[in-house]
């Protein structure tokens, strides 16, 4: 009956492999039960409607109990402390060789958390998947997928789990809180007969009204200075601008402006609506659109 009593197993000095495995099972079971009890108890005593608070709190408790579990389990298998360094060295070498992906995932976890990595809430694109980072674990991180269509940038409500070692072998595009502004454009193609100078003036006024000239300048410059500690960056132009180019089909106006990642679609919509309204009531400006003819044989 000693096998069913964790306390007696722990007190026993010369245990065989079966007894060690049973003791390991009991320790893991107790740690899991304590984690669930304490986590539920804290959530009941200190309830929160903020998902970020619930997530960070549960994550912190999980890390504490994981560390506690490791501390409790190690002496079970290495009860002869004299041989512990040698055994750990051989065990570590064997794990690195046989569990290459897991080892790389662990290294990737460190890379993610350094100053060149990313954090929760950042929008990244990796291996053809774009999304917002909602979880970073030791083996993998999770993205809330965003539609790759450049005109939508809307969440698909799908969670994508990506191994951490992808951060080592894959290219990553990061839009982080350290520099949350990105350049975006709204392109309009006018006919060659249109008054492009008037159209350009209207577009500049629209950008000035909606975005402003210096509304985000100080904030952007401060973020650039923060990034300059690790990257060689030049601030450059931060004000919105309209470029005019000649295309084979007409005159292209490109409205270029800085926007926060999460505001990109809304800002595009506001600018597009204003352009359509202003051009509709302004003579001499015509947006080019393609016409298709359908010939039906009787």
Protein backbone atom coordinates (compact mmCIF):
# COMPACT_ATOMS: atom_id res chain seq x y z
CA UNK A 1 0.00 0.00 0.00
CA UNK A 2 3.05 2.27 0.21
CA UNK A 3 2.73 2.84 -3.55
CA UNK A 4 -0.52 4.73 -2.99
CA UNK A 5 0.89 6.96 -0.26
CA UNK A 6 3.01 9.84 -1.65
CA UNK A 7 4.28 10.76 1.80
CA UNK A 8 5.68 7.28 2.47
CA UNK A 9 7.22 7.15 -1.00
CA UNK A 10 8.93 10.49 -0.41
CA UNK A 11 10.38 9.34 2.92
CA UNK A 12 11.74 6.12 1.41
CA UNK A 13 15.47 6.45 0.67
CA UNK A 14 16.11 3.60 -1.80
CA UNK A 15 13.32 3.76 -4.34
CA UNK A 16 13.16 1.78 -7.58
CA UNK A 17 12.16 3.24 -10.95
CA UNK A 18 8.46 2.41 -10.57
CA UNK A 19 8.31 4.17 -7.22
CA UNK A 20 10.08 7.23 -8.68
CA UNK A 21 7.59 7.36 -11.56
CA UNK A 22 4.63 7.10 -9.19
CA UNK A 23 6.07 9.83 -6.98
CA UNK A 24 6.60 12.01 -10.05
CA UNK A 25 2.97 11.43 -11.05
CA UNK A 26 1.73 12.39 -7.56
CA UNK A 27 3.79 15.59 -7.52
CA UNK A 28 2.54 16.68 -10.96
CA UNK A 29 -1.04 15.87 -9.97
CA UNK A 30 -0.79 17.88 -6.74
CA UNK A 31 0.79 20.85 -8.56
CA UNK A 32 -2.00 20.85 -11.17
CA UNK A 33 -4.71 20.65 -8.49
CA UNK A 34 -3.14 23.47 -6.46
CA UNK A 35 -2.78 25.61 -9.60
CA UNK A 36 -6.47 25.20 -10.53
CA UNK A 37 -7.67 25.81 -6.97
CA UNK A 38 -5.57 28.96 -6.45
CA UNK A 39 -6.28 30.32 -9.94
CA UNK A 40 -10.05 29.91 -9.52
CA UNK A 41 -9.90 31.30 -6.00
CA UNK A 42 -8.05 34.45 -7.11
CA UNK A 43 -10.48 34.96 -10.01
CA UNK A 44 -13.40 34.76 -7.60
CA UNK A 45 -11.87 37.04 -4.96
CA UNK A 46 -10.52 39.56 -7.49
CA UNK A 47 -12.84 39.34 -10.52
CA UNK A 48 -11.95 41.42 -13.56
CA UNK A 49 -13.70 42.21 -16.84
CA UNK A 50 -10.41 43.08 -18.53
CA UNK A 51 -9.19 40.10 -20.56
CA UNK A 52 -5.60 41.35 -20.38
CA UNK A 53 -5.69 41.31 -16.55
CA UNK A 54 -7.11 37.77 -16.48
CA UNK A 55 -4.53 36.58 -19.01
CA UNK A 56 -1.49 38.12 -17.29
CA UNK A 57 -2.62 36.93 -13.87
CA UNK A 58 -3.20 33.33 -15.01
CA UNK A 59 0.10 33.34 -16.87
CA UNK A 60 2.04 34.53 -13.82
CA UNK A 61 0.44 31.85 -11.62
CA UNK A 62 1.18 29.20 -14.26
CA UNK A 63 4.86 30.18 -14.38
CA UNK A 64 5.14 30.10 -10.58
CA UNK A 65 3.66 26.61 -10.34
CA UNK A 66 5.72 25.35 -13.30
CA UNK A 67 8.90 26.50 -11.56
CA UNK A 68 7.70 24.99 -8.28
CA UNK A 69 6.96 21.68 -10.06
CA UNK A 70 10.47 21.54 -11.56
CA UNK A 71 12.04 22.21 -8.18
CA UNK A 72 9.97 19.43 -6.61
CA UNK A 73 10.52 16.85 -9.36
CA UNK A 74 14.31 17.11 -9.83
CA UNK A 75 15.24 15.54 -6.44
CA UNK A 76 12.94 12.58 -7.18
CA UNK A 77 15.14 11.32 -10.02
CA UNK A 78 18.45 12.66 -8.78
CA UNK A 79 18.37 11.65 -5.14
CA UNK A 80 22.13 11.18 -5.16
CA UNK A 81 23.21 14.81 -5.33
CA UNK A 82 26.89 13.86 -5.80
CA UNK A 83 26.24 12.70 -9.36
CA UNK A 84 23.75 15.46 -10.21
CA UNK A 85 26.12 17.75 -12.25
CA UNK A 86 27.39 14.85 -14.39
CA UNK A 87 23.92 13.45 -14.96
CA UNK A 88 22.54 16.88 -15.85
CA UNK A 89 25.38 17.49 -18.31
CA UNK A 90 24.78 14.21 -20.15
CA UNK A 91 21.04 14.70 -20.01
CA UNK A 92 21.32 18.23 -21.39
CA UNK A 93 23.60 17.16 -24.25
CA UNK A 94 21.26 14.33 -25.17
CA UNK A 95 18.22 16.61 -25.12
CA UNK A 96 19.91 19.21 -27.34
CA UNK A 97 20.73 16.57 -29.95
CA UNK A 98 17.52 14.55 -29.87
CA UNK A 99 15.10 17.43 -29.27
CA UNK A 100 16.51 19.97 -31.72
CA UNK A 101 13.18 21.67 -32.48
CA UNK A 102 12.30 21.99 -28.81
CA UNK A 103 15.75 23.43 -28.08
CA UNK A 104 15.38 25.93 -30.92
CA UNK A 105 11.91 26.86 -29.66
CA UNK A 106 13.42 27.65 -26.27
CA UNK A 107 16.14 29.79 -27.91
CA UNK A 108 13.45 31.49 -30.00
CA UNK A 109 11.57 32.33 -26.79
CA UNK A 110 14.63 34.26 -25.55
CA UNK A 111 14.97 36.05 -28.90
CA UNK A 112 11.31 37.08 -28.81
CA UNK A 113 11.76 38.66 -25.37
CA UNK A 114 14.89 40.66 -26.17
CA UNK A 115 14.81 44.24 -27.46
CA UNK A 116 14.69 43.09 -31.11
CA UNK A 117 11.69 40.82 -30.62
CA UNK A 118 7.99 41.48 -30.24
CA UNK A 119 5.45 41.54 -27.42
CA UNK A 120 1.74 41.02 -26.77
CA UNK A 121 -0.47 43.24 -28.93
CA UNK A 122 2.11 43.69 -31.70
CA UNK A 123 1.02 42.96 -35.26
CA UNK A 124 3.43 40.71 -37.10
CA UNK A 125 3.62 38.80 -40.36
CA UNK A 126 5.62 35.56 -40.51
CA UNK A 127 5.67 32.70 -43.00
CA UNK A 128 2.69 34.14 -44.89
CA UNK A 129 0.55 34.59 -41.75
CA UNK A 130 -0.43 38.03 -40.46
CA UNK A 131 -1.96 38.65 -37.05
CA UNK A 132 -1.87 40.23 -33.61
CA UNK A 133 0.22 38.50 -30.93
CA UNK A 134 -2.12 37.23 -28.18
CA UNK A 135 0.14 34.74 -26.41
CA UNK A 136 3.87 33.99 -26.11
CA UNK A 137 4.78 30.60 -24.66
CA UNK A 138 8.07 28.82 -24.19
CA UNK A 139 7.44 26.50 -27.17
CA UNK A 140 5.13 28.56 -29.39
CA UNK A 141 3.41 31.91 -29.79
CA UNK A 142 -0.17 32.53 -30.92
CA UNK A 143 -1.55 35.04 -33.40
CA UNK A 144 -5.12 36.24 -33.79
CA UNK A 145 -5.13 36.04 -37.58
CA UNK A 146 -5.77 39.14 -39.67
CA UNK A 147 -7.00 39.00 -43.26
CA UNK A 148 -4.02 39.39 -45.59
CA UNK A 149 -6.06 41.51 -47.99
CA UNK A 150 -4.35 44.90 -47.84
CA UNK A 151 -7.72 46.66 -48.14
CA UNK A 152 -9.33 45.07 -45.09
CA UNK A 153 -6.89 44.19 -42.28
CA UNK A 154 -9.81 42.69 -40.35
CA UNK A 155 -9.54 39.84 -37.87
CA UNK A 156 -10.64 36.38 -39.05
CA UNK A 157 -11.14 35.24 -35.42
CA UNK A 158 -8.83 32.29 -36.05
CA UNK A 159 -5.95 31.49 -33.69
CA UNK A 160 -2.69 30.47 -35.37
CA UNK A 161 -0.04 28.69 -33.28
CA UNK A 162 3.52 29.14 -34.55
CA UNK A 163 6.66 27.43 -33.14
CA UNK A 164 9.13 29.85 -31.60
CA UNK A 165 12.00 28.60 -33.79
CA UNK A 166 10.29 30.24 -36.79
CA UNK A 167 11.63 33.53 -35.42
CA UNK A 168 15.14 32.20 -36.14
CA UNK A 169 14.63 30.77 -39.64
CA UNK A 170 11.83 32.97 -41.04
CA UNK A 171 11.53 36.63 -41.97
CA UNK A 172 9.30 38.64 -39.59
CA UNK A 173 7.50 41.92 -40.28
CA UNK A 174 6.69 43.69 -37.00
CA UNK A 175 4.42 46.64 -36.27
CA UNK A 176 4.93 47.20 -32.54
CA UNK A 177 3.90 49.72 -29.93
CA UNK A 178 7.46 51.04 -30.12
CA UNK A 179 6.62 52.31 -33.60
CA UNK A 180 2.91 51.85 -34.19
CA UNK A 181 2.71 54.26 -37.16
CA UNK A 182 3.04 52.97 -40.71
CA UNK A 183 2.82 54.65 -44.10
CA UNK A 184 -0.34 54.02 -46.09
CA UNK A 185 -1.71 55.28 -49.41
CA UNK A 186 -5.02 55.92 -51.12
CA UNK A 187 -4.65 55.91 -54.91
CA UNK A 188 -7.05 57.63 -57.33
CA UNK A 189 -6.83 57.39 -61.11
CA UNK A 190 -8.19 60.43 -63.00
CA UNK A 191 -8.86 60.88 -66.69
CA UNK A 192 -6.34 62.93 -68.71
CA UNK A 193 -9.02 65.60 -69.22
CA UNK A 194 -9.38 66.17 -65.45
CA UNK A 195 -8.05 69.26 -63.69
CA UNK A 196 -5.36 67.39 -61.76
CA UNK A 197 -4.06 70.51 -60.00
CA UNK A 198 -7.49 71.24 -58.54
CA UNK A 199 -7.86 67.57 -57.59
CA UNK A 200 -4.46 67.62 -55.88
CA UNK A 201 -5.43 70.73 -53.89
CA UNK A 202 -8.68 69.10 -52.79
CA UNK A 203 -6.85 65.94 -51.70
CA UNK A 204 -4.29 67.95 -49.71
CA UNK A 205 -7.10 69.78 -47.93
CA UNK A 206 -8.83 66.50 -47.13
CA UNK A 207 -5.65 65.07 -45.61
CA UNK A 208 -5.16 68.27 -43.63
CA UNK A 209 -8.72 68.12 -42.27
CA UNK A 210 -8.78 64.41 -41.41
CA UNK A 211 -5.20 63.72 -40.35
CA UNK A 212 -3.76 67.14 -39.63
CA UNK A 213 -0.29 68.41 -40.41
CA UNK A 214 1.53 68.10 -37.09
CA UNK A 215 -0.96 66.13 -34.97
CA UNK A 216 1.30 63.10 -34.49
CA UNK A 217 4.66 64.67 -35.30
CA UNK A 218 5.97 64.90 -31.71
CA UNK A 219 4.71 61.40 -30.84
CA UNK A 220 6.34 59.91 -33.95
CA UNK A 221 9.63 61.71 -33.31
CA UNK A 222 9.69 60.47 -29.70
CA UNK A 223 9.13 56.88 -30.85
CA UNK A 224 11.88 57.22 -33.46
CA UNK A 225 14.29 58.45 -30.80
CA UNK A 226 13.44 55.45 -28.64
CA UNK A 227 14.10 53.06 -31.54
CA UNK A 228 17.36 54.83 -32.41
CA UNK A 229 18.97 53.19 -29.36
CA UNK A 230 19.00 49.90 -31.28
CA UNK A 231 18.50 50.93 -34.92
CA UNK A 232 20.00 53.55 -37.21
CA UNK A 233 16.91 55.51 -38.29
CA UNK A 234 16.14 58.88 -39.82
CA UNK A 235 12.87 60.59 -39.02
CA UNK A 236 12.30 62.13 -42.45
CA UNK A 237 8.95 63.59 -43.53
CA UNK A 238 6.01 62.86 -41.23
CA UNK A 239 3.37 65.11 -42.80
CA UNK A 240 0.81 63.74 -45.31
CA UNK A 241 1.52 64.44 -48.97
CA UNK A 242 -0.09 63.95 -52.39
CA UNK A 243 2.00 62.64 -55.30
CA UNK A 244 1.02 62.98 -58.96
CA UNK A 245 2.12 60.47 -61.59
CA UNK A 246 1.29 59.88 -65.25
CA UNK A 247 0.03 56.39 -66.03
CA UNK A 248 -0.82 54.86 -69.40
CA UNK A 249 -4.55 55.06 -68.60
CA UNK A 250 -4.70 58.39 -66.77
CA UNK A 251 -3.33 60.60 -63.98
CA UNK A 252 -2.62 58.85 -60.68
CA UNK A 253 -2.95 60.75 -57.41
CA UNK A 254 -1.37 58.99 -54.45
CA UNK A 255 -2.39 60.26 -51.01
CA UNK A 256 0.38 59.18 -48.64
CA UNK A 257 -0.03 59.49 -44.88
CA UNK A 258 1.03 58.02 -41.55
CA UNK A 259 -1.54 56.00 -39.62
CA UNK A 260 -1.68 53.67 -36.67
CA UNK A 261 -1.94 50.02 -37.71
CA UNK A 262 -5.31 49.48 -36.04
CA UNK A 263 -6.75 52.67 -37.59
CA UNK A 264 -5.66 52.01 -41.18
CA UNK A 265 -8.95 50.75 -42.57
CA UNK A 266 -11.10 53.39 -40.84
CA UNK A 267 -8.80 56.18 -42.03
CA UNK A 268 -8.90 54.89 -45.60
CA UNK A 269 -12.67 54.81 -45.47
CA UNK A 270 -12.95 58.39 -44.17
CA UNK A 271 -10.53 59.72 -46.80
CA UNK A 272 -12.24 57.82 -49.64
CA UNK A 273 -15.70 59.07 -48.67
CA UNK A 274 -14.52 62.69 -48.56
CA UNK A 275 -12.81 62.36 -51.93
CA UNK A 276 -15.94 60.91 -53.56
CA UNK A 277 -18.11 63.69 -52.09
CA UNK A 278 -15.74 66.51 -53.08
CA UNK A 279 -15.10 65.21 -56.61
CA UNK A 280 -18.82 64.67 -57.16
CA UNK A 281 -19.65 68.35 -56.63
CA UNK A 282 -16.50 69.70 -58.36
CA UNK A 283 -16.68 70.13 -62.13
CA UNK A 284 -13.68 69.26 -64.25
CA UNK A 285 -12.60 66.21 -62.21
CA UNK A 286 -13.49 62.71 -63.35
CA UNK A 287 -12.38 59.43 -61.79
CA UNK A 288 -11.34 56.87 -64.38
CA UNK A 289 -13.14 53.55 -64.35
CA UNK A 290 -13.07 50.67 -66.73
CA UNK A 291 -16.04 49.89 -68.91
CA UNK A 292 -16.80 46.36 -70.10
CA UNK A 293 -18.94 45.60 -73.11
CA UNK A 294 -20.83 42.33 -73.42
CA UNK A 295 -21.78 41.20 -76.92
CA UNK A 296 -24.62 38.68 -77.07
CA UNK A 297 -25.11 36.71 -80.28
CA UNK A 298 -28.72 35.85 -81.15
